[in-house]
Amino acid sequence: RRGPGRELPLAAREPALRSASRRELPDGAARPSAALFKQLVVTALRELHGEVGAALPVDVLTYEEKTMSAILRVISSGFVKLWSALTLLGFYQNRRCAFRVLQTSPFLLALSGNSRELVLD
């Protein structure tokens, strides 16, 4: 039980989620940069939750341009807003777009790898 003045560990207050986005890209089209990916996240929040949603502090901790996947960090009070905004986004700049949440965790270390794909020598 928490007492007055006692805080939760940082990881418990800031859940993270691993996400992948899919956009229809013409053959040979450039994949979105990390900055554009972040803009896509902010746009999704704005469309569903207005300016309050767009002001939600979301950090892109890692982004892989090749797979268009990222690890995002958000405060726990904004976790459901972020997940719902990403899930419900269907178009961006008149192009079909979809996010898929691959994994969530209050601990960043849990998102760093997949134990099912671990190869032991």
N, C-alpha and C. Protein backbone atom coordinates (compact mmCIF):
# COMPACT_ATOMS: atom_id res chain seq x y z
N ARG A 1 0.83 -1.18 0.00
CA ARG A 1 0.00 0.00 0.00
C ARG A 1 0.87 1.24 0.00
N ARG A 2 0.48 2.22 -0.80
CA ARG A 2 1.28 3.44 -0.90
C ARG A 2 0.93 4.38 0.24
N GLY A 3 1.93 4.98 0.82
CA GLY A 3 1.72 5.98 1.85
C GLY A 3 1.81 7.37 1.26
N PRO A 4 1.49 8.41 2.02
CA PRO A 4 1.59 9.77 1.50
C PRO A 4 3.03 10.11 1.16
N GLY A 5 3.23 10.73 0.03
CA GLY A 5 4.56 11.16 -0.38
C GLY A 5 5.39 10.07 -1.03
N ARG A 6 4.88 8.86 -1.05
CA ARG A 6 5.62 7.76 -1.67
C ARG A 6 5.20 7.66 -3.13
N GLU A 7 6.17 7.56 -4.01
CA GLU A 7 5.85 7.53 -5.43
C GLU A 7 6.02 6.14 -6.00
N LEU A 8 5.29 5.89 -7.07
CA LEU A 8 5.45 4.65 -7.81
C LEU A 8 6.77 4.69 -8.56
N PRO A 9 7.34 3.54 -8.84
CA PRO A 9 8.56 3.53 -9.67
C PRO A 9 8.26 4.15 -11.04
N LEU A 10 9.27 4.72 -11.65
CA LEU A 10 9.12 5.40 -12.94
C LEU A 10 8.46 4.50 -13.97
N ALA A 11 8.86 3.25 -14.02
CA ALA A 11 8.32 2.35 -15.04
C ALA A 11 6.81 2.15 -14.88
N ALA A 12 6.33 2.15 -13.66
CA ALA A 12 4.90 1.93 -13.45
C ALA A 12 4.08 3.15 -13.83
N ARG A 13 4.70 4.31 -13.83
CA ARG A 13 3.98 5.53 -14.19
C ARG A 13 4.03 5.81 -15.67
N GLU A 14 4.95 5.23 -16.39
CA GLU A 14 5.12 5.54 -17.80
C GLU A 14 5.13 4.27 -18.63
N PRO A 15 3.94 3.75 -18.93
CA PRO A 15 3.91 2.54 -19.74
C PRO A 15 4.40 2.82 -21.16
N ALA A 16 4.85 1.80 -21.80
CA ALA A 16 5.32 1.93 -23.18
C ALA A 16 4.59 0.91 -24.03
N LEU A 17 4.54 1.20 -25.30
CA LEU A 17 3.97 0.22 -26.21
C LEU A 17 4.81 0.14 -27.46
N ARG A 18 4.83 -1.05 -28.01
CA ARG A 18 5.55 -1.30 -29.26
C ARG A 18 4.51 -1.33 -30.35
N SER A 19 4.73 -0.53 -31.38
CA SER A 19 3.72 -0.36 -32.42
C SER A 19 4.35 -0.47 -33.79
N ALA A 20 3.56 -0.92 -34.73
CA ALA A 20 3.97 -0.92 -36.13
C ALA A 20 2.90 -0.21 -36.93
N SER A 21 3.30 0.54 -37.92
CA SER A 21 2.31 1.20 -38.76
C SER A 21 2.39 0.63 -40.16
N ARG A 22 1.27 0.65 -40.83
CA ARG A 22 1.23 0.21 -42.22
C ARG A 22 0.60 1.32 -43.03
N ARG A 23 1.26 1.74 -44.06
CA ARG A 23 0.70 2.73 -44.97
C ARG A 23 0.84 2.18 -46.37
N GLU A 24 -0.09 2.57 -47.19
CA GLU A 24 0.03 2.18 -48.59
C GLU A 24 1.10 3.06 -49.21
N LEU A 25 2.16 2.43 -49.65
CA LEU A 25 3.26 3.17 -50.26
C LEU A 25 3.41 2.72 -51.70
N PRO A 26 3.49 3.68 -52.63
CA PRO A 26 3.76 3.29 -54.01
C PRO A 26 5.11 2.61 -54.10
N ASP A 27 5.29 1.77 -55.10
CA ASP A 27 6.57 1.10 -55.28
C ASP A 27 7.70 2.12 -55.32
N GLY A 28 8.74 1.86 -54.53
CA GLY A 28 9.90 2.74 -54.50
C GLY A 28 9.71 3.98 -53.66
N ALA A 29 8.57 4.16 -53.01
CA ALA A 29 8.34 5.35 -52.19
C ALA A 29 9.17 5.29 -50.92
N ALA A 30 9.60 6.44 -50.46
CA ALA A 30 10.38 6.52 -49.23
C ALA A 30 9.50 6.23 -48.03
N ARG A 31 10.06 5.57 -47.07
CA ARG A 31 9.33 5.29 -45.82
C ARG A 31 9.39 6.54 -44.94
N PRO A 32 8.38 6.71 -44.09
CA PRO A 32 8.37 7.91 -43.24
C PRO A 32 9.57 7.96 -42.30
N SER A 33 10.09 9.15 -42.10
CA SER A 33 11.19 9.34 -41.16
C SER A 33 10.64 9.29 -39.74
N ALA A 34 11.53 9.34 -38.76
CA ALA A 34 11.10 9.34 -37.35
C ALA A 34 10.25 10.57 -37.05
N ALA A 35 10.61 11.71 -37.62
CA ALA A 35 9.84 12.94 -37.39
C ALA A 35 8.43 12.82 -37.98
N LEU A 36 8.32 12.24 -39.17
CA LEU A 36 7.01 12.06 -39.78
C LEU A 36 6.18 11.04 -39.01
N PHE A 37 6.84 10.00 -38.50
CA PHE A 37 6.15 9.00 -37.69
C PHE A 37 5.57 9.66 -36.44
N LYS A 38 6.36 10.51 -35.79
CA LYS A 38 5.87 11.22 -34.60
C LYS A 38 4.69 12.12 -34.97
N GLN A 39 4.77 12.79 -36.12
CA GLN A 39 3.68 13.63 -36.58
C GLN A 39 2.42 12.81 -36.82
N LEU A 40 2.58 11.62 -37.32
CA LEU A 40 1.46 10.71 -37.54
C LEU A 40 0.78 10.36 -36.21
N VAL A 41 1.57 10.13 -35.18
CA VAL A 41 1.04 9.82 -33.85
C VAL A 41 0.28 11.03 -33.30
N VAL A 42 0.86 12.21 -33.41
CA VAL A 42 0.20 13.44 -32.92
C VAL A 42 -1.10 13.69 -33.69
N THR A 43 -1.08 13.46 -34.99
CA THR A 43 -2.29 13.63 -35.80
C THR A 43 -3.39 12.68 -35.35
N ALA A 44 -3.02 11.44 -35.08
CA ALA A 44 -4.00 10.45 -34.61
C ALA A 44 -4.62 10.90 -33.29
N LEU A 45 -3.79 11.40 -32.38
CA LEU A 45 -4.31 11.89 -31.10
C LEU A 45 -5.21 13.09 -31.29
N ARG A 46 -4.82 14.01 -32.17
CA ARG A 46 -5.62 15.22 -32.41
C ARG A 46 -6.98 14.88 -33.03
N GLU A 47 -6.99 13.95 -33.98
CA GLU A 47 -8.24 13.60 -34.65
C GLU A 47 -9.24 12.97 -33.70
N LEU A 48 -8.77 12.16 -32.77
CA LEU A 48 -9.70 11.48 -31.86
C LEU A 48 -9.98 12.28 -30.58
N HIS A 49 -8.96 12.95 -30.05
CA HIS A 49 -9.10 13.59 -28.74
C HIS A 49 -8.93 15.11 -28.77
N GLY A 50 -8.84 15.70 -29.96
CA GLY A 50 -8.71 17.15 -30.07
C GLY A 50 -7.35 17.65 -29.64
N GLU A 51 -7.29 18.94 -29.33
CA GLU A 51 -6.01 19.57 -28.96
C GLU A 51 -5.47 19.02 -27.64
N VAL A 52 -6.36 18.60 -26.76
CA VAL A 52 -5.91 18.00 -25.50
C VAL A 52 -5.15 16.71 -25.78
N GLY A 53 -5.66 15.91 -26.70
CA GLY A 53 -4.96 14.69 -27.08
C GLY A 53 -3.64 14.96 -27.76
N ALA A 54 -3.61 15.98 -28.61
CA ALA A 54 -2.37 16.32 -29.33
C ALA A 54 -1.29 16.81 -28.37
N ALA A 55 -1.70 17.34 -27.21
CA ALA A 55 -0.74 17.84 -26.23
C ALA A 55 -0.21 16.74 -25.31
N LEU A 56 -0.71 15.53 -25.46
CA LEU A 56 -0.28 14.42 -24.63
C LEU A 56 1.21 14.14 -24.87
N PRO A 57 2.01 14.07 -23.81
CA PRO A 57 3.44 13.82 -24.02
C PRO A 57 3.71 12.37 -24.42
N VAL A 58 4.09 12.18 -25.67
CA VAL A 58 4.42 10.86 -26.21
C VAL A 58 5.85 10.92 -26.73
N ASP A 59 6.67 9.99 -26.30
CA ASP A 59 8.06 9.93 -26.77
C ASP A 59 8.22 8.74 -27.71
N VAL A 60 8.88 8.98 -28.84
CA VAL A 60 9.27 7.89 -29.74
C VAL A 60 10.67 7.48 -29.30
N LEU A 61 10.76 6.37 -28.58
CA LEU A 61 12.05 5.94 -28.04
C LEU A 61 12.92 5.29 -29.10
N THR A 62 12.31 4.47 -29.93
CA THR A 62 13.04 3.88 -31.06
C THR A 62 12.10 3.87 -32.26
N TYR A 63 12.68 3.96 -33.44
CA TYR A 63 11.91 3.88 -34.67
C TYR A 63 12.77 3.20 -35.73
N GLU A 64 12.22 2.17 -36.34
CA GLU A 64 12.91 1.47 -37.42
C GLU A 64 12.21 1.81 -38.72
N GLU A 65 12.89 2.56 -39.56
CA GLU A 65 12.30 3.01 -40.83
C GLU A 65 11.97 1.83 -41.74
N LYS A 66 12.82 0.83 -41.73
CA LYS A 66 12.64 -0.33 -42.62
C LYS A 66 11.32 -1.05 -42.34
N THR A 67 11.02 -1.27 -41.07
CA THR A 67 9.81 -2.00 -40.70
C THR A 67 8.68 -1.07 -40.29
N MET A 68 8.95 0.22 -40.21
CA MET A 68 8.00 1.23 -39.74
C MET A 68 7.43 0.84 -38.37
N SER A 69 8.32 0.39 -37.48
CA SER A 69 7.89 0.04 -36.13
C SER A 69 8.61 0.92 -35.13
N ALA A 70 7.97 1.11 -33.99
CA ALA A 70 8.52 2.03 -32.99
C ALA A 70 8.16 1.56 -31.60
N ILE A 71 8.93 2.05 -30.64
CA ILE A 71 8.57 1.92 -29.23
C ILE A 71 8.22 3.31 -28.76
N LEU A 72 7.00 3.46 -28.24
CA LEU A 72 6.49 4.74 -27.79
C LEU A 72 6.34 4.71 -26.28
N ARG A 73 6.62 5.84 -25.64
CA ARG A 73 6.42 5.97 -24.19
C ARG A 73 5.40 7.05 -23.93
N VAL A 74 4.49 6.79 -23.00
CA VAL A 74 3.44 7.75 -22.67
C VAL A 74 3.16 7.64 -21.18
N ILE A 75 2.70 8.72 -20.57
CA ILE A 75 2.33 8.65 -19.16
C ILE A 75 1.11 7.73 -19.02
N SER A 76 1.00 7.10 -17.87
CA SER A 76 -0.05 6.09 -17.70
C SER A 76 -1.45 6.66 -17.90
N SER A 77 -1.67 7.92 -17.54
CA SER A 77 -3.01 8.49 -17.72
C SER A 77 -3.36 8.70 -19.19
N GLY A 78 -2.38 8.68 -20.08
CA GLY A 78 -2.63 8.86 -21.50
C GLY A 78 -2.54 7.58 -22.31
N PHE A 79 -2.29 6.47 -21.63
CA PHE A 79 -2.08 5.20 -22.32
C PHE A 79 -3.28 4.79 -23.17
N VAL A 80 -4.48 4.81 -22.60
CA VAL A 80 -5.68 4.40 -23.33
C VAL A 80 -5.97 5.37 -24.47
N LYS A 81 -5.74 6.66 -24.25
CA LYS A 81 -5.96 7.64 -25.32
C LYS A 81 -5.03 7.38 -26.50
N LEU A 82 -3.77 7.11 -26.21
CA LEU A 82 -2.82 6.83 -27.29
C LEU A 82 -3.20 5.56 -28.04
N TRP A 83 -3.48 4.51 -27.31
CA TRP A 83 -3.80 3.23 -27.95
C TRP A 83 -5.06 3.38 -28.81
N SER A 84 -6.08 4.04 -28.29
CA SER A 84 -7.32 4.19 -29.06
C SER A 84 -7.09 5.06 -30.30
N ALA A 85 -6.31 6.13 -30.17
CA ALA A 85 -6.05 7.00 -31.31
C ALA A 85 -5.29 6.27 -32.41
N LEU A 86 -4.30 5.47 -32.03
CA LEU A 86 -3.54 4.72 -33.03
C LEU A 86 -4.40 3.66 -33.69
N THR A 87 -5.21 2.98 -32.91
CA THR A 87 -6.05 1.91 -33.44
C THR A 87 -7.11 2.43 -34.40
N LEU A 88 -7.67 3.60 -34.11
CA LEU A 88 -8.78 4.11 -34.91
C LEU A 88 -8.35 4.98 -36.10
N LEU A 89 -7.07 5.29 -36.21
CA LEU A 89 -6.62 6.07 -37.35
C LEU A 89 -6.73 5.23 -38.62
N GLY A 90 -7.41 5.74 -39.63
CA GLY A 90 -7.60 4.98 -40.86
C GLY A 90 -6.97 5.62 -42.08
N PHE A 91 -6.81 6.95 -42.03
CA PHE A 91 -6.22 7.68 -43.16
C PHE A 91 -5.28 8.76 -42.64
N TYR A 92 -4.25 9.03 -43.41
CA TYR A 92 -3.35 10.14 -43.13
C TYR A 92 -2.99 10.76 -44.48
N GLN A 93 -3.27 12.05 -44.63
CA GLN A 93 -3.04 12.77 -45.89
C GLN A 93 -3.67 12.02 -47.07
N ASN A 94 -4.92 11.63 -46.92
CA ASN A 94 -5.71 10.94 -47.95
C ASN A 94 -5.12 9.60 -48.38
N ARG A 95 -4.33 8.98 -47.52
CA ARG A 95 -3.80 7.64 -47.79
C ARG A 95 -4.23 6.73 -46.66
N ARG A 96 -4.54 5.49 -47.00
CA ARG A 96 -4.91 4.53 -45.97
C ARG A 96 -3.73 4.30 -45.04
N CYS A 97 -4.03 4.16 -43.78
CA CYS A 97 -2.98 4.01 -42.78
C CYS A 97 -3.53 3.17 -41.63
N ALA A 98 -2.71 2.32 -41.06
CA ALA A 98 -3.15 1.52 -39.91
C ALA A 98 -1.98 1.30 -38.97
N PHE A 99 -2.26 1.38 -37.69
CA PHE A 99 -1.28 1.02 -36.66
C PHE A 99 -1.70 -0.30 -36.06
N ARG A 100 -0.74 -1.06 -35.67
CA ARG A 100 -1.02 -2.29 -34.94
C ARG A 100 -0.14 -2.28 -33.69
N VAL A 101 -0.76 -2.39 -32.54
CA VAL A 101 -0.01 -2.44 -31.28
C VAL A 101 0.47 -3.87 -31.11
N LEU A 102 1.77 -4.03 -31.07
CA LEU A 102 2.36 -5.36 -30.99
C LEU A 102 2.54 -5.85 -29.56
N GLN A 103 2.81 -4.91 -28.66
CA GLN A 103 3.12 -5.29 -27.29
C GLN A 103 3.02 -4.06 -26.40
N THR A 104 2.60 -4.24 -25.16
CA THR A 104 2.60 -3.16 -24.19
C THR A 104 3.22 -3.65 -22.90
N SER A 105 3.81 -2.72 -22.16
CA SER A 105 4.41 -3.08 -20.88
C SER A 105 4.71 -1.83 -20.09
N PRO A 106 4.60 -1.92 -18.76
CA PRO A 106 5.05 -0.79 -17.94
C PRO A 106 6.57 -0.78 -17.79
N PHE A 107 7.24 -1.79 -18.31
CA PHE A 107 8.69 -1.90 -18.19
C PHE A 107 9.33 -1.91 -19.57
N LEU A 108 10.20 -0.97 -19.83
CA LEU A 108 10.83 -0.86 -21.15
C LEU A 108 11.66 -2.09 -21.50
N LEU A 109 12.29 -2.69 -20.51
CA LEU A 109 13.11 -3.87 -20.77
C LEU A 109 12.30 -5.00 -21.39
N ALA A 110 11.04 -5.09 -21.03
CA ALA A 110 10.18 -6.14 -21.57
C ALA A 110 9.94 -5.97 -23.08
N LEU A 111 10.08 -4.76 -23.58
CA LEU A 111 9.85 -4.49 -25.00
C LEU A 111 11.11 -4.64 -25.84
N SER A 112 12.24 -4.86 -25.19
CA SER A 112 13.51 -4.87 -25.92
C SER A 112 13.73 -6.13 -26.74
N GLY A 113 13.04 -7.21 -26.42
CA GLY A 113 13.24 -8.44 -27.18
C GLY A 113 12.05 -9.35 -27.03
N ASN A 114 12.10 -10.43 -27.77
CA ASN A 114 11.04 -11.41 -27.74
C ASN A 114 11.66 -12.75 -27.32
N SER A 115 11.27 -13.27 -26.17
CA SER A 115 11.86 -14.51 -25.67
C SER A 115 11.53 -15.70 -26.57
N ARG A 116 10.47 -15.59 -27.35
CA ARG A 116 10.12 -16.69 -28.26
C ARG A 116 11.06 -16.78 -29.44
N GLU A 117 11.79 -15.71 -29.71
CA GLU A 117 12.72 -15.70 -30.84
C GLU A 117 14.17 -15.79 -30.37
N LEU A 118 14.38 -16.03 -29.09
CA LEU A 118 15.72 -16.08 -28.52
C LEU A 118 16.45 -17.32 -29.00
N VAL A 119 17.66 -17.14 -29.46
CA VAL A 119 18.49 -18.25 -29.92
C VAL A 119 19.65 -18.42 -28.94
N LEU A 120 19.73 -19.56 -28.31
CA LEU A 120 20.81 -19.84 -27.38
C LEU A 120 21.86 -20.70 -28.06
N ASP A 121 23.11 -20.39 -27.83
CA ASP A 121 24.21 -21.17 -28.44
C ASP A 121 24.69 -22.24 -27.51
